Amino acid sequence: MRPLFLSAWLVVALVTPPAGAADTDDAARYVQFVQDFSGNCTARNGVQILVKNAHPNRPIRVWLDRYHMGRGTGDRSRSDLAPGGEPEPLGCSRSDYGAQEWRVVRAVFVD
């Protein structure tokens, strides 16, 4: 059952590993947003948005701001993302009134 569930995720923000040594401390480069098409968000013509850590072995603490219909809502969340861990659900890409999204405010390695 697990491989089928994982295949439902689509990476929406591709993150390529940094080429230079100076970029290796930029944790935000390893934060990815993914979509899950199997959730209940499809009833609103949306998808479930999740966030994950794409770094192979370093945990990341990330702060996210939520935007609804292009405007900041004042909602800020903080998550600790394990390397190779399951994506953490954030919410639906659409509410009853319009589109919503999450943006990275800050991301740091916590090791």
PDB file of N, CA and C in Angstrom:
ATOM      1  N   MET A   1       0.821  -1.198   0.000  1.00  0.00           N
ATOM      2  CA  MET A   1       0.000   0.000   0.000  1.00  0.00           C
ATOM      3  C   MET A   1       0.862   1.256   0.000  1.00  0.00           C
ATOM      4  N   ARG A   2       1.961   1.237   0.677  1.00  0.00           N
ATOM      5  CA  ARG A   2       2.817   2.426   0.770  1.00  0.00           C
ATOM      6  C   ARG A   2       3.334   2.904  -0.583  1.00  0.00           C
ATOM      7  N   PRO A   3       3.857   2.027  -1.466  1.00  0.00           N
ATOM      8  CA  PRO A   3       4.336   2.525  -2.759  1.00  0.00           C
ATOM      9  C   PRO A   3       3.244   3.202  -3.577  1.00  0.00           C
ATOM     10  N   LEU A   4       2.006   2.717  -3.494  1.00  0.00           N
ATOM     11  CA  LEU A   4       0.910   3.338  -4.215  1.00  0.00           C
ATOM     12  C   LEU A   4       0.636   4.726  -3.684  1.00  0.00           C
ATOM     13  N   PHE A   5       0.648   4.893  -2.351  1.00  0.00           N
ATOM     14  CA  PHE A   5       0.404   6.198  -1.746  1.00  0.00           C
ATOM     15  C   PHE A   5       1.520   7.177  -2.126  1.00  0.00           C
ATOM     16  N   LEU A   6       2.754   6.719  -2.074  1.00  0.00           N
ATOM     17  CA  LEU A   6       3.867   7.601  -2.423  1.00  0.00           C
ATOM     18  C   LEU A   6       3.804   8.041  -3.871  1.00  0.00           C
ATOM     19  N   SER A   7       3.270   7.203  -4.754  1.00  0.00           N
ATOM     20  CA  SER A   7       3.209   7.577  -6.157  1.00  0.00           C
ATOM     21  C   SER A   7       2.202   8.686  -6.407  1.00  0.00           C
ATOM     22  N   ALA A   8       1.347   8.984  -5.436  1.00  0.00           N
ATOM     23  CA  ALA A   8       0.360  10.042  -5.599  1.00  0.00           C
ATOM     24  C   ALA A   8       0.964  11.427  -5.397  1.00  0.00           C
ATOM     25  N   TRP A   9       2.154  11.509  -4.870  1.00  0.00           N
ATOM     26  CA  TRP A   9       2.793  12.805  -4.642  1.00  0.00           C
ATOM     27  C   TRP A   9       3.469  13.283  -5.915  1.00  0.00           C
ATOM     28  N   LEU A  10       3.354  14.549  -6.164  1.00  0.00           N
ATOM     29  CA  LEU A  10       4.005  15.171  -7.303  1.00  0.00           C
ATOM     30  C   LEU A  10       4.863  16.310  -6.778  1.00  0.00           C
ATOM     31  N   VAL A  11       6.102  16.292  -7.134  1.00  0.00           N
ATOM     32  CA  VAL A  11       6.992  17.366  -6.685  1.00  0.00           C
ATOM     33  C   VAL A  11       6.679  18.609  -7.499  1.00  0.00           C
ATOM     34  N   VAL A  12       6.359  19.714  -6.813  1.00  0.00           N
ATOM     35  CA  VAL A  12       6.031  20.955  -7.497  1.00  0.00           C
ATOM     36  C   VAL A  12       7.168  21.961  -7.443  1.00  0.00           C
ATOM     37  N   ALA A  13       8.107  21.755  -6.589  1.00  0.00           N
ATOM     38  CA  ALA A  13       9.258  22.658  -6.516  1.00  0.00           C
ATOM     39  C   ALA A  13      10.508  21.796  -6.548  1.00  0.00           C
ATOM     40  N   LEU A  14      11.153  21.781  -7.684  1.00  0.00           N
ATOM     41  CA  LEU A  14      12.356  20.976  -7.802  1.00  0.00           C
ATOM     42  C   LEU A  14      13.514  21.691  -7.140  1.00  0.00           C
ATOM     43  N   VAL A  15      14.236  20.968  -6.342  1.00  0.00           N
ATOM     44  CA  VAL A  15      15.380  21.518  -5.643  1.00  0.00           C
ATOM     45  C   VAL A  15      16.591  20.725  -6.070  1.00  0.00           C
ATOM     46  N   THR A  16      17.556  21.408  -6.649  1.00  0.00           N
ATOM     47  CA  THR A  16      18.778  20.738  -7.051  1.00  0.00           C
ATOM     48  C   THR A  16      19.830  20.956  -5.992  1.00  0.00           C
ATOM     49  N   PRO A  17      20.607  19.944  -5.693  1.00  0.00           N
ATOM     50  CA  PRO A  17      21.657  20.118  -4.695  1.00  0.00           C
ATOM     51  C   PRO A  17      22.621  21.222  -5.108  1.00  0.00           C
ATOM     52  N   PRO A  18      23.139  21.961  -4.161  1.00  0.00           N
ATOM     53  CA  PRO A  18      24.050  23.050  -4.485  1.00  0.00           C
ATOM     54  C   PRO A  18      25.349  22.539  -5.081  1.00  0.00           C
ATOM     55  N   ALA A  19      25.864  23.284  -6.043  1.00  0.00           N
ATOM     56  CA  ALA A  19      27.107  22.900  -6.700  1.00  0.00           C
ATOM     57  C   ALA A  19      28.325  23.410  -5.941  1.00  0.00           C
ATOM     58  N   GLY A  20      28.208  24.597  -5.357  1.00  0.00           N
ATOM     59  CA  GLY A  20      29.355  25.201  -4.683  1.00  0.00           C
ATOM     60  C   GLY A  20      29.322  24.997  -3.182  1.00  0.00           C
ATOM     61  N   ALA A  21      30.471  25.060  -2.561  1.00  0.00           N
ATOM     62  CA  ALA A  21      30.565  24.861  -1.115  1.00  0.00           C
ATOM     63  C   ALA A  21      29.834  25.962  -0.354  1.00  0.00           C
ATOM     64  N   ALA A  22      29.754  27.158  -0.907  1.00  0.00           N
ATOM     65  CA  ALA A  22      29.107  28.268  -0.216  1.00  0.00           C
ATOM     66  C   ALA A  22      27.612  28.043  -0.064  1.00  0.00           C
ATOM     67  N   ASP A  23      27.007  27.263  -0.958  1.00  0.00           N
ATOM     68  CA  ASP A  23      25.575  27.033  -0.914  1.00  0.00           C
ATOM     69  C   ASP A  23      25.174  25.870  -0.005  1.00  0.00           C
ATOM     70  N   THR A  24      26.131  25.114   0.513  1.00  0.00           N
ATOM     71  CA  THR A  24      25.784  23.923   1.285  1.00  0.00           C
ATOM     72  C   THR A  24      25.104  24.251   2.605  1.00  0.00           C
ATOM     73  N   ASP A  25      25.172  25.478   3.078  1.00  0.00           N
ATOM     74  CA  ASP A  25      24.513  25.858   4.321  1.00  0.00           C
ATOM     75  C   ASP A  25      23.161  26.516   4.090  1.00  0.00           C
ATOM     76  N   ASP A  26      22.678  26.555   2.852  1.00  0.00           N
ATOM     77  CA  ASP A  26      21.385  27.150   2.536  1.00  0.00           C
ATOM     78  C   ASP A  26      20.306  26.074   2.624  1.00  0.00           C
ATOM     79  N   ALA A  27      19.713  25.919   3.801  1.00  0.00           N
ATOM     80  CA  ALA A  27      18.715  24.877   4.034  1.00  0.00           C
ATOM     81  C   ALA A  27      17.468  25.070   3.178  1.00  0.00           C
ATOM     82  N   ALA A  28      17.123  26.320   2.847  1.00  0.00           N
ATOM     83  CA  ALA A  28      15.916  26.585   2.054  1.00  0.00           C
ATOM     84  C   ALA A  28      15.971  25.900   0.692  1.00  0.00           C
ATOM     85  N   ARG A  29      17.171  25.653   0.198  1.00  0.00           N
ATOM     86  CA  ARG A  29      17.310  24.979  -1.101  1.00  0.00           C
ATOM     87  C   ARG A  29      16.796  23.545  -1.051  1.00  0.00           C
ATOM     88  N   TYR A  30      16.668  22.985   0.127  1.00  0.00           N
ATOM     89  CA  TYR A  30      16.258  21.590   0.285  1.00  0.00           C
ATOM     90  C   TYR A  30      14.811  21.433   0.753  1.00  0.00           C
ATOM     91  N   VAL A  31      14.096  22.536   0.885  1.00  0.00           N
ATOM     92  CA  VAL A  31      12.683  22.480   1.267  1.00  0.00           C
ATOM     93  C   VAL A  31      11.861  22.323  -0.018  1.00  0.00           C
ATOM     94  N   GLN A  32      11.031  21.292  -0.057  1.00  0.00           N
ATOM     95  CA  GLN A  32      10.189  21.031  -1.231  1.00  0.00           C
ATOM     96  C   GLN A  32       8.719  21.018  -0.830  1.00  0.00           C
ATOM     97  N   PHE A  33       7.904  21.558  -1.712  1.00  0.00           N
ATOM     98  CA  PHE A  33       6.458  21.435  -1.571  1.00  0.00           C
ATOM     99  C   PHE A  33       6.013  20.353  -2.547  1.00  0.00           C
ATOM    100  N   VAL A  34       5.153  19.473  -2.071  1.00  0.00           N
ATOM    101  CA  VAL A  34       4.627  18.397  -2.913  1.00  0.00           C
ATOM    102  C   VAL A  34       3.107  18.414  -2.839  1.00  0.00           C
ATOM    103  N   GLN A  35       2.469  17.787  -3.821  1.00  0.00           N
ATOM    104  CA  GLN A  35       1.018  17.721  -3.875  1.00  0.00           C
ATOM    105  C   GLN A  35       0.570  16.272  -3.741  1.00  0.00           C
ATOM    106  N   ASP A  36      -0.539  16.081  -3.050  1.00  0.00           N
ATOM    107  CA  ASP A  36      -1.156  14.762  -2.916  1.00  0.00           C
ATOM    108  C   ASP A  36      -2.553  14.855  -3.519  1.00  0.00           C
ATOM    109  N   PHE A  37      -2.758  14.125  -4.605  1.00  0.00           N
ATOM    110  CA  PHE A  37      -4.034  14.172  -5.324  1.00  0.00           C
ATOM    111  C   PHE A  37      -5.071  13.213  -4.743  1.00  0.00           C
ATOM    112  N   SER A  38      -4.716  12.469  -3.702  1.00  0.00           N
ATOM    113  CA  SER A  38      -5.649  11.491  -3.153  1.00  0.00           C
ATOM    114  C   SER A  38      -6.417  12.011  -1.943  1.00  0.00           C
ATOM    115  N   GLY A  39      -6.198  13.241  -1.545  1.00  0.00           N
ATOM    116  CA  GLY A  39      -6.840  13.777  -0.348  1.00  0.00           C
ATOM    117  C   GLY A  39      -8.247  14.296  -0.609  1.00  0.00           C
ATOM    118  N   ASN A  40      -8.889  14.787   0.453  1.00  0.00           N
ATOM    119  CA  ASN A  40     -10.248  15.312   0.330  1.00  0.00           C
ATOM    120  C   ASN A  40     -10.285  16.716  -0.277  1.00  0.00           C
ATOM    121  N   CYS A  41      -9.132  17.291  -0.574  1.00  0.00           N
ATOM    122  CA  CYS A  41      -9.080  18.633  -1.162  1.00  0.00           C
ATOM    123  C   CYS A  41      -9.626  18.650  -2.593  1.00  0.00           C
ATOM    124  N   THR A  42      -9.686  17.502  -3.227  1.00  0.00           N
ATOM    125  CA  THR A  42     -10.176  17.451  -4.604  1.00  0.00           C
ATOM    126  C   THR A  42     -11.644  17.865  -4.690  1.00  0.00           C
ATOM    127  N   ALA A  43     -12.378  17.787  -3.589  1.00  0.00           N
ATOM    128  CA  ALA A  43     -13.774  18.234  -3.578  1.00  0.00           C
ATOM    129  C   ALA A  43     -13.871  19.732  -3.849  1.00  0.00           C
ATOM    130  N   ARG A  44     -12.822  20.478  -3.570  1.00  0.00           N
ATOM    131  CA  ARG A  44     -12.776  21.932  -3.812  1.00  0.00           C
ATOM    132  C   ARG A  44     -11.969  22.261  -5.062  1.00  0.00           C
ATOM    133  N   ASN A  45     -11.732  21.266  -5.903  1.00  0.00           N
ATOM    134  CA  ASN A  45     -10.887  21.428  -7.097  1.00  0.00           C
ATOM    135  C   ASN A  45      -9.470  21.824  -6.714  1.00  0.00           C
ATOM    136  N   GLY A  46      -8.993  21.279  -5.625  1.00  0.00           N
ATOM    137  CA  GLY A  46      -7.641  21.545  -5.158  1.00  0.00           C
ATOM    138  C   GLY A  46      -6.897  20.259  -4.882  1.00  0.00           C
ATOM    139  N   VAL A  47      -5.738  20.393  -4.292  1.00  0.00           N
ATOM    140  CA  VAL A  47      -4.912  19.255  -3.899  1.00  0.00           C
ATOM    141  C   VAL A  47      -4.353  19.520  -2.509  1.00  0.00           C
ATOM    142  N   GLN A  48      -3.973  18.458  -1.824  1.00  0.00           N
ATOM    143  CA  GLN A  48      -3.324  18.582  -0.517  1.00  0.00           C
ATOM    144  C   GLN A  48      -1.889  19.043  -0.739  1.00  0.00           C
ATOM    145  N   ILE A  49      -1.455  20.085  -0.037  1.00  0.00           N
ATOM    146  CA  ILE A  49      -0.081  20.572  -0.121  1.00  0.00           C
ATOM    147  C   ILE A  49       0.683  20.045   1.092  1.00  0.00           C
ATOM    148  N   LEU A  50       1.875  19.528   0.835  1.00  0.00           N
ATOM    149  CA  LEU A  50       2.738  19.003   1.890  1.00  0.00           C
ATOM    150  C   LEU A  50       4.119  19.618   1.729  1.00  0.00           C
ATOM    151  N   VAL A  51       4.908  19.611   2.800  1.00  0.00           N
ATOM    152  CA  VAL A  51       6.279  20.115   2.755  1.00  0.00           C
ATOM    153  C   VAL A  51       7.201  18.993   3.209  1.00  0.00           C
ATOM    154  N   LYS A  52       8.388  18.928   2.573  1.00  0.00           N
ATOM    155  CA  LYS A  52       9.344  17.885   2.944  1.00  0.00           C
ATOM    156  C   LYS A  52      10.773  18.378   2.826  1.00  0.00           C
ATOM    157  N   ASN A  53      11.668  17.615   3.425  1.00  0.00           N
ATOM    158  CA  ASN A  53      13.100  17.882   3.420  1.00  0.00           C
ATOM    159  C   ASN A  53      13.732  16.999   2.340  1.00  0.00           C
ATOM    160  N   ALA A  54      14.399  17.605   1.367  1.00  0.00           N
ATOM    161  CA  ALA A  54      15.038  16.857   0.285  1.00  0.00           C
ATOM    162  C   ALA A  54      16.525  16.603   0.537  1.00  0.00           C
ATOM    163  N   HIS A  55      17.043  17.058   1.671  1.00  0.00           N
ATOM    164  CA  HIS A  55      18.463  16.809   1.962  1.00  0.00           C
ATOM    165  C   HIS A  55      18.635  15.344   2.372  1.00  0.00           C
ATOM    166  N   PRO A  56      19.701  14.695   1.909  1.00  0.00           N
ATOM    167  CA  PRO A  56      19.858  13.266   2.188  1.00  0.00           C
ATOM    168  C   PRO A  56      20.136  12.914   3.646  1.00  0.00           C
ATOM    169  N   ASN A  57      20.726  13.837   4.437  1.00  0.00           N
ATOM    170  CA  ASN A  57      21.080  13.431   5.809  1.00  0.00           C
ATOM    171  C   ASN A  57      21.057  14.541   6.856  1.00  0.00           C
ATOM    172  N   ARG A  58      20.551  15.719   6.554  1.00  0.00           N
ATOM    173  CA  ARG A  58      20.507  16.803   7.540  1.00  0.00           C
ATOM    174  C   ARG A  58      19.068  17.229   7.827  1.00  0.00           C
ATOM    175  N   PRO A  59      18.672  17.295   9.103  1.00  0.00           N
ATOM    176  CA  PRO A  59      17.329  17.774   9.442  1.00  0.00           C
ATOM    177  C   PRO A  59      17.228  19.285   9.239  1.00  0.00           C
ATOM    178  N   ILE A  60      16.027  19.734   8.934  1.00  0.00           N
ATOM    179  CA  ILE A  60      15.778  21.150   8.656  1.00  0.00           C
ATOM    180  C   ILE A  60      14.625  21.638   9.518  1.00  0.00           C
ATOM    181  N   ARG A  61      14.781  22.830  10.083  1.00  0.00           N
ATOM    182  CA  ARG A  61      13.678  23.543  10.741  1.00  0.00           C
ATOM    183  C   ARG A  61      13.254  24.644   9.773  1.00  0.00           C
ATOM    184  N   VAL A  62      11.966  24.661   9.445  1.00  0.00           N
ATOM    185  CA  VAL A  62      11.463  25.617   8.454  1.00  0.00           C
ATOM    186  C   VAL A  62      10.276  26.385   9.030  1.00  0.00           C
ATOM    187  N   TRP A  63      10.237  27.684   8.738  1.00  0.00           N
ATOM    188  CA  TRP A  63       9.121  28.547   9.090  1.00  0.00           C
ATOM    189  C   TRP A  63       8.405  28.909   7.801  1.00  0.00           C
ATOM    190  N   LEU A  64       7.079  28.775   7.810  1.00  0.00           N
ATOM    191  CA  LEU A  64       6.273  29.022   6.619  1.00  0.00           C
ATOM    192  C   LEU A  64       5.183  30.037   6.923  1.00  0.00           C
ATOM    193  N   ASP A  65       4.904  30.911   5.963  1.00  0.00           N
ATOM    194  CA  ASP A  65       3.758  31.819   6.042  1.00  0.00           C
ATOM    195  C   ASP A  65       2.699  31.329   5.067  1.00  0.00           C
ATOM    196  N   ARG A  66       1.439  31.426   5.493  1.00  0.00           N
ATOM    197  CA  ARG A  66       0.322  31.023   4.635  1.00  0.00           C
ATOM    198  C   ARG A  66      -0.267  32.249   3.950  1.00  0.00           C
ATOM    199  N   TYR A  67      -0.566  32.102   2.669  1.00  0.00           N
ATOM    200  CA  TYR A  67      -1.188  33.160   1.870  1.00  0.00           C
ATOM    201  C   TYR A  67      -2.510  32.643   1.331  1.00  0.00           C
ATOM    202  N   HIS A  68      -3.536  33.482   1.425  1.00  0.00           N
ATOM    203  CA  HIS A  68      -4.850  33.125   0.903  1.00  0.00           C
ATOM    204  C   HIS A  68      -5.249  34.170  -0.118  1.00  0.00           C
ATOM    205  N   MET A  69      -5.489  33.713  -1.326  1.00  0.00           N
ATOM    206  CA  MET A  69      -5.854  34.590  -2.431  1.00  0.00           C
ATOM    207  C   MET A  69      -4.830  35.719  -2.605  1.00  0.00           C
ATOM    208  N   GLY A  70      -3.542  35.362  -2.472  1.00  0.00           N
ATOM    209  CA  GLY A  70      -2.455  36.310  -2.699  1.00  0.00           C
ATOM    210  C   GLY A  70      -2.110  37.214  -1.532  1.00  0.00           C
ATOM    211  N   ARG A  71      -2.811  37.095  -0.429  1.00  0.00           N
ATOM    212  CA  ARG A  71      -2.555  37.962   0.729  1.00  0.00           C
ATOM    213  C   ARG A  71      -2.106  37.140   1.920  1.00  0.00           C
ATOM    214  N   GLY A  72      -1.131  37.664   2.641  1.00  0.00           N
ATOM    215  CA  GLY A  72      -0.666  37.004   3.853  1.00  0.00           C
ATOM    216  C   GLY A  72      -1.773  36.936   4.890  1.00  0.00           C
ATOM    217  N   THR A  73      -1.904  35.802   5.547  1.00  0.00           N
ATOM    218  CA  THR A  73      -2.968  35.628   6.540  1.00  0.00           C
ATOM    219  C   THR A  73      -2.489  35.901   7.960  1.00  0.00           C
ATOM    220  N   GLY A  74      -1.176  36.017   8.137  1.00  0.00           N
ATOM    221  CA  GLY A  74      -0.631  36.175   9.482  1.00  0.00           C
ATOM    222  C   GLY A  74      -0.372  34.840  10.149  1.00  0.00           C
ATOM    223  N   ASP A  75      -0.724  33.744   9.469  1.00  0.00           N
ATOM    224  CA  ASP A  75      -0.471  32.403  10.005  1.00  0.00           C
ATOM    225  C   ASP A  75       0.960  31.999   9.695  1.00  0.00           C
ATOM    226  N   ARG A  76       1.718  31.724  10.717  1.00  0.00           N
ATOM    227  CA  ARG A  76       3.094  31.250  10.535  1.00  0.00           C
ATOM    228  C   ARG A  76       3.226  29.919  11.252  1.00  0.00           C
ATOM    229  N   SER A  77       3.825  28.971  10.566  1.00  0.00           N
ATOM    230  CA  SER A  77       4.035  27.665  11.180  1.00  0.00           C
ATOM    231  C   SER A  77       5.520  27.351  11.193  1.00  0.00           C
ATOM    232  N   ARG A  78       5.889  26.438  12.082  1.00  0.00           N
ATOM    233  CA  ARG A  78       7.271  25.976  12.157  1.00  0.00           C
ATOM    234  C   ARG A  78       7.247  24.461  12.174  1.00  0.00           C
ATOM    235  N   SER A  79       8.110  23.867  11.372  1.00  0.00           N
ATOM    236  CA  SER A  79       8.181  22.411  11.305  1.00  0.00           C
ATOM    237  C   SER A  79       9.623  21.967  11.334  1.00  0.00           C
ATOM    238  N   ASP A  80       9.858  20.839  11.986  1.00  0.00           N
ATOM    239  CA  ASP A  80      11.162  20.181  11.940  1.00  0.00           C
ATOM    240  C   ASP A  80      11.023  18.999  10.989  1.00  0.00           C
ATOM    241  N   LEU A  81      11.766  19.031   9.900  1.00  0.00           N
ATOM    242  CA  LEU A  81      11.652  18.030   8.846  1.00  0.00           C
ATOM    243  C   LEU A  81      12.872  17.123   8.866  1.00  0.00           C
ATOM    244  N   ALA A  82      12.627  15.846   9.024  1.00  0.00           N
ATOM    245  CA  ALA A  82      13.708  14.856   9.040  1.00  0.00           C
ATOM    246  C   ALA A  82      14.170  14.564   7.612  1.00  0.00           C
ATOM    247  N   PRO A  83      15.454  14.287   7.443  1.00  0.00           N
ATOM    248  CA  PRO A  83      15.933  13.927   6.107  1.00  0.00           C
ATOM    249  C   PRO A  83      15.311  12.602   5.674  1.00  0.00           C
ATOM    250  N   GLY A  84      14.751  12.577   4.480  1.00  0.00           N
ATOM    251  CA  GLY A  84      14.122  11.367   3.976  1.00  0.00           C
ATOM    252  C   GLY A  84      12.828  11.017   4.669  1.00  0.00           C
ATOM    253  N   GLY A  85      12.300  11.927   5.488  1.00  0.00           N
ATOM    254  CA  GLY A  85      11.062  11.660   6.222  1.00  0.00           C
ATOM    255  C   GLY A  85       9.830  11.861   5.354  1.00  0.00           C
ATOM    256  N   GLU A  86       8.713  11.461   5.892  1.00  0.00           N
ATOM    257  CA  GLU A  86       7.438  11.644   5.205  1.00  0.00           C
ATOM    258  C   GLU A  86       7.125  13.136   5.099  1.00  0.00           C
ATOM    259  N   PRO A  87       6.541  13.587   3.997  1.00  0.00           N
ATOM    260  CA  PRO A  87       6.120  14.982   3.891  1.00  0.00           C
ATOM    261  C   PRO A  87       5.070  15.326   4.945  1.00  0.00           C
ATOM    262  N   GLU A  88       5.092  16.565   5.403  1.00  0.00           N
ATOM    263  CA  GLU A  88       4.151  17.036   6.426  1.00  0.00           C
ATOM    264  C   GLU A  88       3.017  17.811   5.750  1.00  0.00           C
ATOM    265  N   PRO A  89       1.760  17.416   6.013  1.00  0.00           N
ATOM    266  CA  PRO A  89       0.637  18.116   5.373  1.00  0.00           C
ATOM    267  C   PRO A  89       0.471  19.536   5.901  1.00  0.00           C
ATOM    268  N   LEU A  90       0.162  20.462   4.976  1.00  0.00           N
ATOM    269  CA  LEU A  90      -0.067  21.858   5.340  1.00  0.00           C
ATOM    270  C   LEU A  90      -1.536  22.231   5.210  1.00  0.00           C
ATOM    271  N   GLY A  91      -2.167  21.819   4.136  1.00  0.00           N
ATOM    272  CA  GLY A  91      -3.565  22.154   3.896  1.00  0.00           C
ATOM    273  C   GLY A  91      -3.883  22.025   2.428  1.00  0.00           C
ATOM    274  N   CYS A  92      -5.084  22.444   2.061  1.00  0.00           N
ATOM    275  CA  CYS A  92      -5.538  22.357   0.669  1.00  0.00           C
ATOM    276  C   CYS A  92      -5.058  23.565  -0.137  1.00  0.00           C
ATOM    277  N   SER A  93      -4.847  23.347  -1.408  1.00  0.00           N
ATOM    278  CA  SER A  93      -4.420  24.438  -2.287  1.00  0.00           C
ATOM    279  C   SER A  93      -5.555  25.428  -2.538  1.00  0.00           C
ATOM    280  N   ARG A  94      -6.784  25.025  -2.239  1.00  0.00           N
ATOM    281  CA  ARG A  94      -7.939  25.910  -2.379  1.00  0.00           C
ATOM    282  C   ARG A  94      -8.821  25.794  -1.150  1.00  0.00           C
ATOM    283  N   SER A  95      -9.320  26.935  -0.699  1.00  0.00           N
ATOM    284  CA  SER A  95     -10.344  26.942   0.340  1.00  0.00           C
ATOM    285  C   SER A  95     -11.686  27.106  -0.374  1.00  0.00           C
ATOM    286  N   ASP A  96     -12.743  27.288   0.377  1.00  0.00           N
ATOM    287  CA  ASP A  96     -14.042  27.530  -0.244  1.00  0.00           C
ATOM    288  C   ASP A  96     -14.069  28.855  -1.005  1.00  0.00           C
ATOM    289  N   TYR A  97     -13.150  29.757  -0.690  1.00  0.00           N
ATOM    290  CA  TYR A  97     -13.182  31.101  -1.258  1.00  0.00           C
ATOM    291  C   TYR A  97     -12.083  31.397  -2.267  1.00  0.00           C
ATOM    292  N   GLY A  98     -11.045  30.568  -2.344  1.00  0.00           N
ATOM    293  CA  GLY A  98      -9.980  30.835  -3.306  1.00  0.00           C
ATOM    294  C   GLY A  98      -8.712  30.070  -3.000  1.00  0.00           C
ATOM    295  N   ALA A  99      -7.693  30.343  -3.787  1.00  0.00           N
ATOM    296  CA  ALA A  99      -6.418  29.637  -3.695  1.00  0.00           C
ATOM    297  C   ALA A  99      -5.644  30.043  -2.445  1.00  0.00           C
ATOM    298  N   GLN A 100      -4.878  29.086  -1.918  1.00  0.00           N
ATOM    299  CA  GLN A 100      -3.969  29.394  -0.821  1.00  0.00           C
ATOM    300  C   GLN A 100      -2.646  28.690  -1.074  1.00  0.00           C
ATOM    301  N   GLU A 101      -1.603  29.249  -0.482  1.00  0.00           N
ATOM    302  CA  GLU A 101      -0.259  28.714  -0.667  1.00  0.00           C
ATOM    303  C   GLU A 101       0.559  28.986   0.582  1.00  0.00           C
ATOM    304  N   TRP A 102       1.724  28.355   0.640  1.00  0.00           N
ATOM    305  CA  TRP A 102       2.664  28.544   1.738  1.00  0.00           C
ATOM    306  C   TRP A 102       3.989  28.967   1.154  1.00  0.00           C
ATOM    307  N   ARG A 103       4.678  29.859   1.842  1.00  0.00           N
ATOM    308  CA  ARG A 103       5.986  30.350   1.396  1.00  0.00           C
ATOM    309  C   ARG A 103       6.994  30.193   2.519  1.00  0.00           C
ATOM    310  N   VAL A 104       8.203  29.844   2.139  1.00  0.00           N
ATOM    311  CA  VAL A 104       9.283  29.680   3.113  1.00  0.00           C
ATOM    312  C   VAL A 104       9.723  31.061   3.589  1.00  0.00           C
ATOM    313  N   VAL A 105       9.714  31.255   4.900  1.00  0.00           N
ATOM    314  CA  VAL A 105      10.196  32.490   5.517  1.00  0.00           C
ATOM    315  C   VAL A 105      11.667  32.313   5.897  1.00  0.00           C
ATOM    316  N   ARG A 106      11.948  31.147   6.500  1.00  0.00           N
ATOM    317  CA  ARG A 106      13.303  30.880   6.962  1.00  0.00           C
ATOM    318  C   ARG A 106      13.475  29.372   7.052  1.00  0.00           C
ATOM    319  N   ALA A 107      14.665  28.911   6.780  1.00  0.00           N
ATOM    320  CA  ALA A 107      14.977  27.486   6.926  1.00  0.00           C
ATOM    321  C   ALA A 107      16.428  27.366   7.402  1.00  0.00           C
ATOM    322  N   VAL A 108      16.646  26.509   8.412  1.00  0.00           N
ATOM    323  CA  VAL A 108      17.979  26.306   8.941  1.00  0.00           C
ATOM    324  C   VAL A 108      18.194  24.814   9.196  1.00  0.00           C
ATOM    325  N   PHE A 109      19.426  24.380   9.068  1.00  0.00           N
ATOM    326  CA  PHE A 109      19.781  23.025   9.461  1.00  0.00           C
ATOM    327  C   PHE A 109      19.833  22.974  10.975  1.00  0.00           C
ATOM    328  N   VAL A 110      19.402  21.888  11.584  1.00  0.00           N
ATOM    329  CA  VAL A 110      19.361  21.789  13.044  1.00  0.00           C
ATOM    330  C   VAL A 110      20.286  20.721  13.586  1.00  0.00           C
ATOM    331  N   ASP A 111      21.317  20.388  12.844  1.00  0.00           N
ATOM    332  CA  ASP A 111      22.282  19.393  13.344  1.00  0.00           C
ATOM    333  C   ASP A 111      23.553  20.035  13.824  1.00  0.00           C
TER     334      ASP A 111
END
